[in-house]
């Protein structure tokens, strides 16, 4: 069984018309995963407790989002750049709260 896949630049239809559906999907996915950390920041700031935040987890997540941002820059993908840059900032905030409320 052979699978035929037509590869074309993201956002370009078969007619060569530009559409933004793929970028919209990327922005929505990025917003949801990035905003998922905001409740944790709010809870940590209110409760002033960080014993349940792992420094290893924060370090790995921060490193990953930093690298994803670099990857997004390299390929010119705004959804990847924006989502991961914002995620990196939220991880840094959590890391700083972890250090403050140790």
PDB file of N, CA and C in Angstrom:
ATOM      1  N   UNK A   1       0.839  -1.170   0.000  1.00  0.00           N
ATOM      2  CA  UNK A   1       0.000   0.000   0.000  1.00  0.00           C
ATOM      3  C   UNK A   1       0.887   1.237   0.000  1.00  0.00           C
ATOM      4  N   UNK A   2       0.614   2.136  -0.900  1.00  0.00           N
ATOM      5  CA  UNK A   2       1.423   3.337  -1.028  1.00  0.00           C
ATOM      6  C   UNK A   2       0.593   4.549  -0.645  1.00  0.00           C
ATOM      7  N   UNK A   3       1.145   5.392   0.210  1.00  0.00           N
ATOM      8  CA  UNK A   3       0.465   6.605   0.646  1.00  0.00           C
ATOM      9  C   UNK A   3       1.052   7.782  -0.113  1.00  0.00           C
ATOM     10  N   UNK A   4       0.208   8.506  -0.797  1.00  0.00           N
ATOM     11  CA  UNK A   4       0.665   9.680  -1.530  1.00  0.00           C
ATOM     12  C   UNK A   4       0.381  10.935  -0.712  1.00  0.00           C
ATOM     13  N   UNK A   5       1.399  11.716  -0.488  1.00  0.00           N
ATOM     14  CA  UNK A   5       1.259  12.955   0.266  1.00  0.00           C
ATOM     15  C   UNK A   5       1.839  14.076  -0.566  1.00  0.00           C
ATOM     16  N   UNK A   6       1.056  15.121  -0.720  1.00  0.00           N
ATOM     17  CA  UNK A   6       1.548  16.286  -1.446  1.00  0.00           C
ATOM     18  C   UNK A   6       2.103  17.274  -0.429  1.00  0.00           C
ATOM     19  N   UNK A   7       3.368  17.602  -0.575  1.00  0.00           N
ATOM     20  CA  UNK A   7       4.008  18.532   0.344  1.00  0.00           C
ATOM     21  C   UNK A   7       4.014  19.912  -0.293  1.00  0.00           C
ATOM     22  N   UNK A   8       3.531  20.884   0.460  1.00  0.00           N
ATOM     23  CA  UNK A   8       3.536  22.269  -0.008  1.00  0.00           C
ATOM     24  C   UNK A   8       3.760  23.166   1.195  1.00  0.00           C
ATOM     25  N   UNK A   9       4.167  24.392   0.973  1.00  0.00           N
ATOM     26  CA  UNK A   9       4.383  25.300   2.104  1.00  0.00           C
ATOM     27  C   UNK A   9       3.110  25.467   2.924  1.00  0.00           C
ATOM     28  N   UNK A  10       3.280  25.599   4.225  1.00  0.00           N
ATOM     29  CA  UNK A  10       2.135  25.802   5.112  1.00  0.00           C
ATOM     30  C   UNK A  10       1.382  27.056   4.704  1.00  0.00           C
ATOM     31  N   UNK A  11       0.068  26.955   4.667  1.00  0.00           N
ATOM     32  CA  UNK A  11      -0.752  28.104   4.352  1.00  0.00           C
ATOM     33  C   UNK A  11      -0.975  28.333   2.866  1.00  0.00           C
ATOM     34  N   UNK A  12      -0.499  27.429   2.014  1.00  0.00           N
ATOM     35  CA  UNK A  12      -0.684  27.593   0.578  1.00  0.00           C
ATOM     36  C   UNK A  12      -1.592  26.476   0.075  1.00  0.00           C
ATOM     37  N   UNK A  13      -2.647  26.842  -0.641  1.00  0.00           N
ATOM     38  CA  UNK A  13      -3.573  25.854  -1.185  1.00  0.00           C
ATOM     39  C   UNK A  13      -3.024  25.310  -2.489  1.00  0.00           C
ATOM     40  N   UNK A  14      -3.739  24.352  -3.052  1.00  0.00           N
ATOM     41  CA  UNK A  14      -3.343  23.804  -4.353  1.00  0.00           C
ATOM     42  C   UNK A  14      -3.346  24.878  -5.439  1.00  0.00           C
ATOM     43  N   UNK A  15      -4.185  25.891  -5.280  1.00  0.00           N
ATOM     44  CA  UNK A  15      -4.276  26.980  -6.262  1.00  0.00           C
ATOM     45  C   UNK A  15      -3.186  28.023  -6.049  1.00  0.00           C
ATOM     46  N   UNK A  16      -2.402  27.897  -5.011  1.00  0.00           N
ATOM     47  CA  UNK A  16      -1.383  28.888  -4.710  1.00  0.00           C
ATOM     48  C   UNK A  16      -1.903  30.042  -3.878  1.00  0.00           C
ATOM     49  N   UNK A  17      -3.192  29.968  -3.457  1.00  0.00           N
ATOM     50  CA  UNK A  17      -3.764  31.021  -2.620  1.00  0.00           C
ATOM     51  C   UNK A  17      -3.256  30.877  -1.196  1.00  0.00           C
ATOM     52  N   UNK A  18      -3.089  31.998  -0.515  1.00  0.00           N
ATOM     53  CA  UNK A  18      -2.616  31.967   0.866  1.00  0.00           C
ATOM     54  C   UNK A  18      -3.796  31.814   1.820  1.00  0.00           C
ATOM     55  N   UNK A  19      -3.676  30.897   2.763  1.00  0.00           N
ATOM     56  CA  UNK A  19      -4.657  30.767   3.831  1.00  0.00           C
ATOM     57  C   UNK A  19      -3.896  30.723   5.148  1.00  0.00           C
ATOM     58  N   UNK A  20      -4.551  31.051   6.205  1.00  0.00           N
ATOM     59  CA  UNK A  20      -3.894  31.109   7.508  1.00  0.00           C
ATOM     60  C   UNK A  20      -4.396  30.039   8.466  1.00  0.00           C
ATOM     61  N   UNK A  21      -5.105  29.034   7.960  1.00  0.00           N
ATOM     62  CA  UNK A  21      -5.688  28.036   8.844  1.00  0.00           C
ATOM     63  C   UNK A  21      -4.647  27.284   9.655  1.00  0.00           C
ATOM     64  N   UNK A  22      -3.551  26.947   9.069  1.00  0.00           N
ATOM     65  CA  UNK A  22      -2.520  26.204   9.787  1.00  0.00           C
ATOM     66  C   UNK A  22      -1.894  27.076  10.862  1.00  0.00           C
ATOM     67  N   UNK A  23      -1.619  28.346  10.539  1.00  0.00           N
ATOM     68  CA  UNK A  23      -1.092  29.252  11.547  1.00  0.00           C
ATOM     69  C   UNK A  23      -2.105  29.494  12.663  1.00  0.00           C
ATOM     70  N   UNK A  24      -3.378  29.603  12.306  1.00  0.00           N
ATOM     71  CA  UNK A  24      -4.420  29.789  13.325  1.00  0.00           C
ATOM     72  C   UNK A  24      -4.438  28.588  14.259  1.00  0.00           C
ATOM     73  N   UNK A  25      -4.362  27.394  13.690  1.00  0.00           N
ATOM     74  CA  UNK A  25      -4.308  26.177  14.504  1.00  0.00           C
ATOM     75  C   UNK A  25      -3.098  26.217  15.432  1.00  0.00           C
ATOM     76  N   UNK A  26      -1.950  26.624  14.909  1.00  0.00           N
ATOM     77  CA  UNK A  26      -0.741  26.717  15.723  1.00  0.00           C
ATOM     78  C   UNK A  26      -0.873  27.737  16.845  1.00  0.00           C
ATOM     79  N   UNK A  27      -1.474  28.889  16.551  1.00  0.00           N
ATOM     80  CA  UNK A  27      -1.657  29.911  17.585  1.00  0.00           C
ATOM     81  C   UNK A  27      -2.619  29.447  18.673  1.00  0.00           C
ATOM     82  N   UNK A  28      -3.710  28.771  18.287  1.00  0.00           N
ATOM     83  CA  UNK A  28      -4.671  28.279  19.277  1.00  0.00           C
ATOM     84  C   UNK A  28      -4.028  27.205  20.153  1.00  0.00           C
ATOM     85  N   UNK A  29      -3.325  26.262  19.528  1.00  0.00           N
ATOM     86  CA  UNK A  29      -2.645  25.213  20.294  1.00  0.00           C
ATOM     87  C   UNK A  29      -1.606  25.822  21.227  1.00  0.00           C
ATOM     88  N   UNK A  30      -0.833  26.771  20.727  1.00  0.00           N
ATOM     89  CA  UNK A  30       0.179  27.427  21.544  1.00  0.00           C
ATOM     90  C   UNK A  30      -0.424  28.195  22.699  1.00  0.00           C
ATOM     91  N   UNK A  31      -1.532  28.881  22.450  1.00  0.00           N
ATOM     92  CA  UNK A  31      -2.189  29.650  23.509  1.00  0.00           C
ATOM     93  C   UNK A  31      -2.688  28.726  24.615  1.00  0.00           C
ATOM     94  N   UNK A  32      -3.302  27.613  24.237  1.00  0.00           N
ATOM     95  CA  UNK A  32      -3.831  26.687  25.238  1.00  0.00           C
ATOM     96  C   UNK A  32      -2.725  26.076  26.086  1.00  0.00           C
ATOM     97  N   UNK A  33      -1.664  25.605  25.457  1.00  0.00           N
ATOM     98  CA  UNK A  33      -0.599  24.969  26.235  1.00  0.00           C
ATOM     99  C   UNK A  33       0.189  25.991  27.050  1.00  0.00           C
ATOM    100  N   UNK A  34       0.339  27.193  26.523  1.00  0.00           N
ATOM    101  CA  UNK A  34       1.069  28.231  27.244  1.00  0.00           C
ATOM    102  C   UNK A  34       0.256  28.730  28.430  1.00  0.00           C
ATOM    103  N   UNK A  35      -1.018  28.989  28.217  1.00  0.00           N
ATOM    104  CA  UNK A  35      -1.862  29.500  29.293  1.00  0.00           C
ATOM    105  C   UNK A  35      -2.095  28.465  30.387  1.00  0.00           C
ATOM    106  N   UNK A  36      -1.802  27.209  30.116  1.00  0.00           N
ATOM    107  CA  UNK A  36      -1.969  26.164  31.122  1.00  0.00           C
ATOM    108  C   UNK A  36      -1.071  26.393  32.332  1.00  0.00           C
ATOM    109  N   UNK A  37       0.021  27.120  32.166  1.00  0.00           N
ATOM    110  CA  UNK A  37       0.923  27.389  33.287  1.00  0.00           C
ATOM    111  C   UNK A  37       0.477  28.580  34.139  1.00  0.00           C
ATOM    112  N   UNK A  38      -0.386  29.424  33.619  1.00  0.00           N
ATOM    113  CA  UNK A  38      -0.801  30.629  34.341  1.00  0.00           C
ATOM    114  C   UNK A  38      -1.511  30.300  35.660  1.00  0.00           C
ATOM    115  N   UNK A  39      -2.447  29.341  35.701  1.00  0.00           N
ATOM    116  CA  UNK A  39      -3.061  29.013  36.997  1.00  0.00           C
ATOM    117  C   UNK A  39      -2.036  28.554  38.049  1.00  0.00           C
ATOM    118  N   UNK A  40      -0.995  27.877  37.602  1.00  0.00           N
ATOM    119  CA  UNK A  40       0.055  27.441  38.540  1.00  0.00           C
ATOM    120  C   UNK A  40       0.815  28.646  39.101  1.00  0.00           C
ATOM    121  N   UNK A  41       1.062  29.633  38.247  1.00  0.00           N
ATOM    122  CA  UNK A  41       1.727  30.856  38.711  1.00  0.00           C
ATOM    123  C   UNK A  41       0.851  31.564  39.736  1.00  0.00           C
ATOM    124  N   UNK A  42      -0.440  31.696  39.439  1.00  0.00           N
ATOM    125  CA  UNK A  42      -1.364  32.376  40.351  1.00  0.00           C
ATOM    126  C   UNK A  42      -1.449  31.635  41.679  1.00  0.00           C
ATOM    127  N   UNK A  43      -1.593  30.316  41.622  1.00  0.00           N
ATOM    128  CA  UNK A  43      -1.676  29.503  42.850  1.00  0.00           C
ATOM    129  C   UNK A  43      -0.401  29.634  43.671  1.00  0.00           C
ATOM    130  N   UNK A  44       0.737  29.562  43.013  1.00  0.00           N
ATOM    131  CA  UNK A  44       2.019  29.653  43.718  1.00  0.00           C
ATOM    132  C   UNK A  44       2.193  31.019  44.358  1.00  0.00           C
ATOM    133  N   UNK A  45       1.818  32.072  43.650  1.00  0.00           N
ATOM    134  CA  UNK A  45       1.954  33.423  44.193  1.00  0.00           C
ATOM    135  C   UNK A  45       1.023  33.636  45.382  1.00  0.00           C
ATOM    136  N   UNK A  46      -0.192  33.112  45.310  1.00  0.00           N
ATOM    137  CA  UNK A  46      -1.159  33.266  46.406  1.00  0.00           C
ATOM    138  C   UNK A  46      -0.784  32.429  47.626  1.00  0.00           C
ATOM    139  N   UNK A  47      -0.446  31.176  47.401  1.00  0.00           N
ATOM    140  CA  UNK A  47      -0.183  30.251  48.509  1.00  0.00           C
ATOM    141  C   UNK A  47       1.224  30.401  49.074  1.00  0.00           C
ATOM    142  N   UNK A  48       2.132  30.966  48.287  1.00  0.00           N
ATOM    143  CA  UNK A  48       3.534  31.123  48.695  1.00  0.00           C
ATOM    144  C   UNK A  48       4.159  29.786  49.093  1.00  0.00           C
ATOM    145  N   UNK A  49       3.757  28.740  48.392  1.00  0.00           N
ATOM    146  CA  UNK A  49       4.282  27.396  48.614  1.00  0.00           C
ATOM    147  C   UNK A  49       4.753  26.827  47.282  1.00  0.00           C
ATOM    148  N   UNK A  50       5.957  26.299  47.271  1.00  0.00           N
ATOM    149  CA  UNK A  50       6.506  25.764  46.018  1.00  0.00           C
ATOM    150  C   UNK A  50       7.071  24.355  46.185  1.00  0.00           C
ATOM    151  N   UNK A  51       6.749  23.700  47.296  1.00  0.00           N
ATOM    152  CA  UNK A  51       7.315  22.366  47.530  1.00  0.00           C
ATOM    153  C   UNK A  51       6.891  21.361  46.459  1.00  0.00           C
ATOM    154  N   UNK A  52       5.763  21.622  45.798  1.00  0.00           N
ATOM    155  CA  UNK A  52       5.294  20.685  44.770  1.00  0.00           C
ATOM    156  C   UNK A  52       5.849  20.998  43.377  1.00  0.00           C
ATOM    157  N   UNK A  53       6.707  22.024  43.264  1.00  0.00           N
ATOM    158  CA  UNK A  53       7.344  22.354  41.986  1.00  0.00           C
ATOM    159  C   UNK A  53       8.767  21.780  41.975  1.00  0.00           C
ATOM    160  N   UNK A  54       9.030  20.923  41.034  1.00  0.00           N
ATOM    161  CA  UNK A  54      10.348  20.309  40.914  1.00  0.00           C
ATOM    162  C   UNK A  54      11.292  21.223  40.142  1.00  0.00           C
ATOM    163  N   UNK A  55      12.484  21.459  40.706  1.00  0.00           N
ATOM    164  CA  UNK A  55      13.483  22.252  39.989  1.00  0.00           C
ATOM    165  C   UNK A  55      13.926  21.546  38.705  1.00  0.00           C
ATOM    166  N   UNK A  56      13.997  20.232  38.745  1.00  0.00           N
ATOM    167  CA  UNK A  56      14.361  19.478  37.545  1.00  0.00           C
ATOM    168  C   UNK A  56      13.316  19.687  36.449  1.00  0.00           C
ATOM    169  N   UNK A  57      12.036  19.593  36.832  1.00  0.00           N
ATOM    170  CA  UNK A  57      10.948  19.813  35.877  1.00  0.00           C
ATOM    171  C   UNK A  57      11.010  21.223  35.303  1.00  0.00           C
ATOM    172  N   UNK A  58      11.191  22.217  36.164  1.00  0.00           N
ATOM    173  CA  UNK A  58      11.277  23.599  35.695  1.00  0.00           C
ATOM    174  C   UNK A  58      12.473  23.789  34.757  1.00  0.00           C
ATOM    175  N   UNK A  59      13.609  23.188  35.106  1.00  0.00           N
ATOM    176  CA  UNK A  59      14.797  23.297  34.261  1.00  0.00           C
ATOM    177  C   UNK A  59      14.613  22.646  32.909  1.00  0.00           C
ATOM    178  N   UNK A  60      14.005  21.461  32.915  1.00  0.00           N
ATOM    179  CA  UNK A  60      13.780  20.753  31.647  1.00  0.00           C
ATOM    180  C   UNK A  60      12.754  21.490  30.785  1.00  0.00           C
ATOM    181  N   UNK A  61      11.667  21.943  31.405  1.00  0.00           N
ATOM    182  CA  UNK A  61      10.639  22.662  30.658  1.00  0.00           C
ATOM    183  C   UNK A  61      11.176  23.989  30.125  1.00  0.00           C
ATOM    184  N   UNK A  62      11.942  24.701  30.953  1.00  0.00           N
ATOM    185  CA  UNK A  62      12.541  25.953  30.516  1.00  0.00           C
ATOM    186  C   UNK A  62      13.519  25.748  29.367  1.00  0.00           C
ATOM    187  N   UNK A  63      14.346  24.734  29.481  1.00  0.00           N
ATOM    188  CA  UNK A  63      15.300  24.442  28.406  1.00  0.00           C
ATOM    189  C   UNK A  63      14.577  24.062  27.119  1.00  0.00           C
ATOM    190  N   UNK A  64      13.549  23.242  27.261  1.00  0.00           N
ATOM    191  CA  UNK A  64      12.788  22.815  26.089  1.00  0.00           C
ATOM    192  C   UNK A  64      12.092  23.979  25.392  1.00  0.00           C
ATOM    193  N   UNK A  65      11.450  24.841  26.162  1.00  0.00           N
ATOM    194  CA  UNK A  65      10.758  25.977  25.540  1.00  0.00           C
ATOM    195  C   UNK A  65      11.753  26.962  24.932  1.00  0.00           C
ATOM    196  N   UNK A  66      12.913  27.101  25.552  1.00  0.00           N
ATOM    197  CA  UNK A  66      13.955  27.963  24.983  1.00  0.00           C
ATOM    198  C   UNK A  66      14.425  27.414  23.639  1.00  0.00           C
ATOM    199  N   UNK A  67      14.667  26.098  23.600  1.00  0.00           N
ATOM    200  CA  UNK A  67      15.107  25.468  22.352  1.00  0.00           C
ATOM    201  C   UNK A  67      14.014  25.502  21.284  1.00  0.00           C
ATOM    202  N   UNK A  68      12.758  25.290  21.678  1.00  0.00           N
ATOM    203  CA  UNK A  68      11.656  25.384  20.722  1.00  0.00           C
ATOM    204  C   UNK A  68      11.556  26.799  20.147  1.00  0.00           C
ATOM    205  N   UNK A  69      11.804  27.804  20.975  1.00  0.00           N
ATOM    206  CA  UNK A  69      11.796  29.183  20.482  1.00  0.00           C
ATOM    207  C   UNK A  69      12.875  29.365  19.423  1.00  0.00           C
ATOM    208  N   UNK A  70      14.061  28.855  19.700  1.00  0.00           N
ATOM    209  CA  UNK A  70      15.144  28.925  18.722  1.00  0.00           C
ATOM    210  C   UNK A  70      14.807  28.194  17.439  1.00  0.00           C
ATOM    211  N   UNK A  71      14.173  27.037  17.566  1.00  0.00           N
ATOM    212  CA  UNK A  71      13.745  26.280  16.396  1.00  0.00           C
ATOM    213  C   UNK A  71      12.724  27.072  15.589  1.00  0.00           C
ATOM    214  N   UNK A  72      11.769  27.678  16.277  1.00  0.00           N
ATOM    215  CA  UNK A  72      10.760  28.492  15.604  1.00  0.00           C
ATOM    216  C   UNK A  72      11.383  29.649  14.851  1.00  0.00           C
ATOM    217  N   UNK A  73      12.402  30.274  15.451  1.00  0.00           N
ATOM    218  CA  UNK A  73      13.109  31.360  14.780  1.00  0.00           C
ATOM    219  C   UNK A  73      13.813  30.824  13.532  1.00  0.00           C
ATOM    220  N   UNK A  74      14.451  29.675  13.671  1.00  0.00           N
ATOM    221  CA  UNK A  74      15.199  29.094  12.551  1.00  0.00           C
ATOM    222  C   UNK A  74      14.304  28.776  11.360  1.00  0.00           C
ATOM    223  N   UNK A  75      13.076  28.314  11.614  1.00  0.00           N
ATOM    224  CA  UNK A  75      12.191  27.967  10.501  1.00  0.00           C
ATOM    225  C   UNK A  75      11.199  29.081  10.178  1.00  0.00           C
ATOM    226  N   UNK A  76      11.209  30.152  10.971  1.00  0.00           N
ATOM    227  CA  UNK A  76      10.330  31.293  10.705  1.00  0.00           C
ATOM    228  C   UNK A  76       8.866  31.037  11.011  1.00  0.00           C
ATOM    229  N   UNK A  77       8.596  30.267  12.065  1.00  0.00           N
ATOM    230  CA  UNK A  77       7.213  29.946  12.433  1.00  0.00           C
ATOM    231  C   UNK A  77       6.762  30.794  13.615  1.00  0.00           C
ATOM    232  N   UNK A  78       5.935  31.792  13.327  1.00  0.00           N
ATOM    233  CA  UNK A  78       5.465  32.678  14.396  1.00  0.00           C
ATOM    234  C   UNK A  78       4.686  31.965  15.493  1.00  0.00           C
ATOM    235  N   UNK A  79       3.809  30.994  15.173  1.00  0.00           N
ATOM    236  CA  UNK A  79       3.124  30.303  16.271  1.00  0.00           C
ATOM    237  C   UNK A  79       4.097  29.613  17.224  1.00  0.00           C
ATOM    238  N   UNK A  80       5.121  28.986  16.695  1.00  0.00           N
ATOM    239  CA  UNK A  80       6.102  28.305  17.554  1.00  0.00           C
ATOM    240  C   UNK A  80       6.907  29.324  18.349  1.00  0.00           C
ATOM    241  N   UNK A  81       7.329  30.391  17.709  1.00  0.00           N
ATOM    242  CA  UNK A  81       8.133  31.418  18.385  1.00  0.00           C
ATOM    243  C   UNK A  81       7.350  32.043  19.527  1.00  0.00           C
ATOM    244  N   UNK A  82       6.149  32.531  19.239  1.00  0.00           N
ATOM    245  CA  UNK A  82       5.369  33.263  20.237  1.00  0.00           C
ATOM    246  C   UNK A  82       4.952  32.365  21.394  1.00  0.00           C
ATOM    247  N   UNK A  83       4.421  31.186  21.091  1.00  0.00           N
ATOM    248  CA  UNK A  83       3.963  30.287  22.154  1.00  0.00           C
ATOM    249  C   UNK A  83       5.103  29.873  23.067  1.00  0.00           C
ATOM    250  N   UNK A  84       6.232  29.512  22.503  1.00  0.00           N
ATOM    251  CA  UNK A  84       7.327  29.020  23.322  1.00  0.00           C
ATOM    252  C   UNK A  84       8.086  30.133  24.031  1.00  0.00           C
ATOM    253  N   UNK A  85       8.165  31.311  23.432  1.00  0.00           N
ATOM    254  CA  UNK A  85       8.788  32.443  24.127  1.00  0.00           C
ATOM    255  C   UNK A  85       7.950  32.805  25.352  1.00  0.00           C
ATOM    256  N   UNK A  86       6.632  32.845  25.187  1.00  0.00           N
ATOM    257  CA  UNK A  86       5.765  33.143  26.328  1.00  0.00           C
ATOM    258  C   UNK A  86       5.840  32.028  27.372  1.00  0.00           C
ATOM    259  N   UNK A  87       5.872  30.782  26.914  1.00  0.00           N
ATOM    260  CA  UNK A  87       6.008  29.656  27.846  1.00  0.00           C
ATOM    261  C   UNK A  87       7.312  29.754  28.622  1.00  0.00           C
ATOM    262  N   UNK A  88       8.381  30.131  27.941  1.00  0.00           N
ATOM    263  CA  UNK A  88       9.672  30.288  28.614  1.00  0.00           C
ATOM    264  C   UNK A  88       9.568  31.338  29.716  1.00  0.00           C
ATOM    265  N   UNK A  89       8.901  32.438  29.435  1.00  0.00           N
ATOM    266  CA  UNK A  89       8.726  33.494  30.442  1.00  0.00           C
ATOM    267  C   UNK A  89       7.934  32.961  31.633  1.00  0.00           C
ATOM    268  N   UNK A  90       6.872  32.193  31.381  1.00  0.00           N
ATOM    269  CA  UNK A  90       6.088  31.661  32.501  1.00  0.00           C
ATOM    270  C   UNK A  90       6.912  30.678  33.333  1.00  0.00           C
ATOM    271  N   UNK A  91       7.748  29.902  32.689  1.00  0.00           N
ATOM    272  CA  UNK A  91       8.608  28.972  33.431  1.00  0.00           C
ATOM    273  C   UNK A  91       9.622  29.754  34.274  1.00  0.00           C
ATOM    274  N   UNK A  92      10.180  30.812  33.726  1.00  0.00           N
ATOM    275  CA  UNK A  92      11.120  31.644  34.485  1.00  0.00           C
ATOM    276  C   UNK A  92      10.419  32.240  35.706  1.00  0.00           C
ATOM    277  N   UNK A  93       9.170  32.697  35.528  1.00  0.00           N
ATOM    278  CA  UNK A  93       8.413  33.232  36.663  1.00  0.00           C
ATOM    279  C   UNK A  93       8.231  32.167  37.735  1.00  0.00           C
ATOM    280  N   UNK A  94       7.843  30.958  37.330  1.00  0.00           N
ATOM    281  CA  UNK A  94       7.696  29.865  38.300  1.00  0.00           C
ATOM    282  C   UNK A  94       9.023  29.540  38.972  1.00  0.00           C
ATOM    283  N   UNK A  95      10.105  29.555  38.216  1.00  0.00           N
ATOM    284  CA  UNK A  95      11.425  29.288  38.777  1.00  0.00           C
ATOM    285  C   UNK A  95      11.787  30.347  39.827  1.00  0.00           C
ATOM    286  N   UNK A  96      11.527  31.604  39.517  1.00  0.00           N
ATOM    287  CA  UNK A  96      11.814  32.680  40.473  1.00  0.00           C
ATOM    288  C   UNK A  96      10.944  32.569  41.717  1.00  0.00           C
ATOM    289  N   UNK A  97       9.684  32.190  41.548  1.00  0.00           N
ATOM    290  CA  UNK A  97       8.812  31.967  42.705  1.00  0.00           C
ATOM    291  C   UNK A  97       9.313  30.792  43.531  1.00  0.00           C
ATOM    292  N   UNK A  98       9.794  29.759  42.865  1.00  0.00           N
ATOM    293  CA  UNK A  98      10.355  28.601  43.577  1.00  0.00           C
ATOM    294  C   UNK A  98      11.541  29.032  44.436  1.00  0.00           C
ATOM    295  N   UNK A  99      12.407  29.847  43.892  1.00  0.00           N
ATOM    296  CA  UNK A  99      13.552  30.322  44.659  1.00  0.00           C
ATOM    297  C   UNK A  99      13.135  31.255  45.795  1.00  0.00           C
ATOM    298  N   UNK A 100      12.142  32.079  45.548  1.00  0.00           N
ATOM    299  CA  UNK A 100      11.691  33.046  46.560  1.00  0.00           C
ATOM    300  C   UNK A 100      11.019  32.363  47.739  1.00  0.00           C
ATOM    301  N   UNK A 101      10.181  31.380  47.482  1.00  0.00           N
ATOM    302  CA  UNK A 101       9.384  30.758  48.548  1.00  0.00           C
ATOM    303  C   UNK A 101       9.899  29.394  48.981  1.00  0.00           C
ATOM    304  N   UNK A 102      11.161  29.134  48.809  1.00  0.00           N
ATOM    305  CA  UNK A 102      11.759  27.841  49.199  1.00  0.00           C
ATOM    306  C   UNK A 102      11.595  27.548  50.659  1.00  0.00           C
TER     307      UNK A 102
END
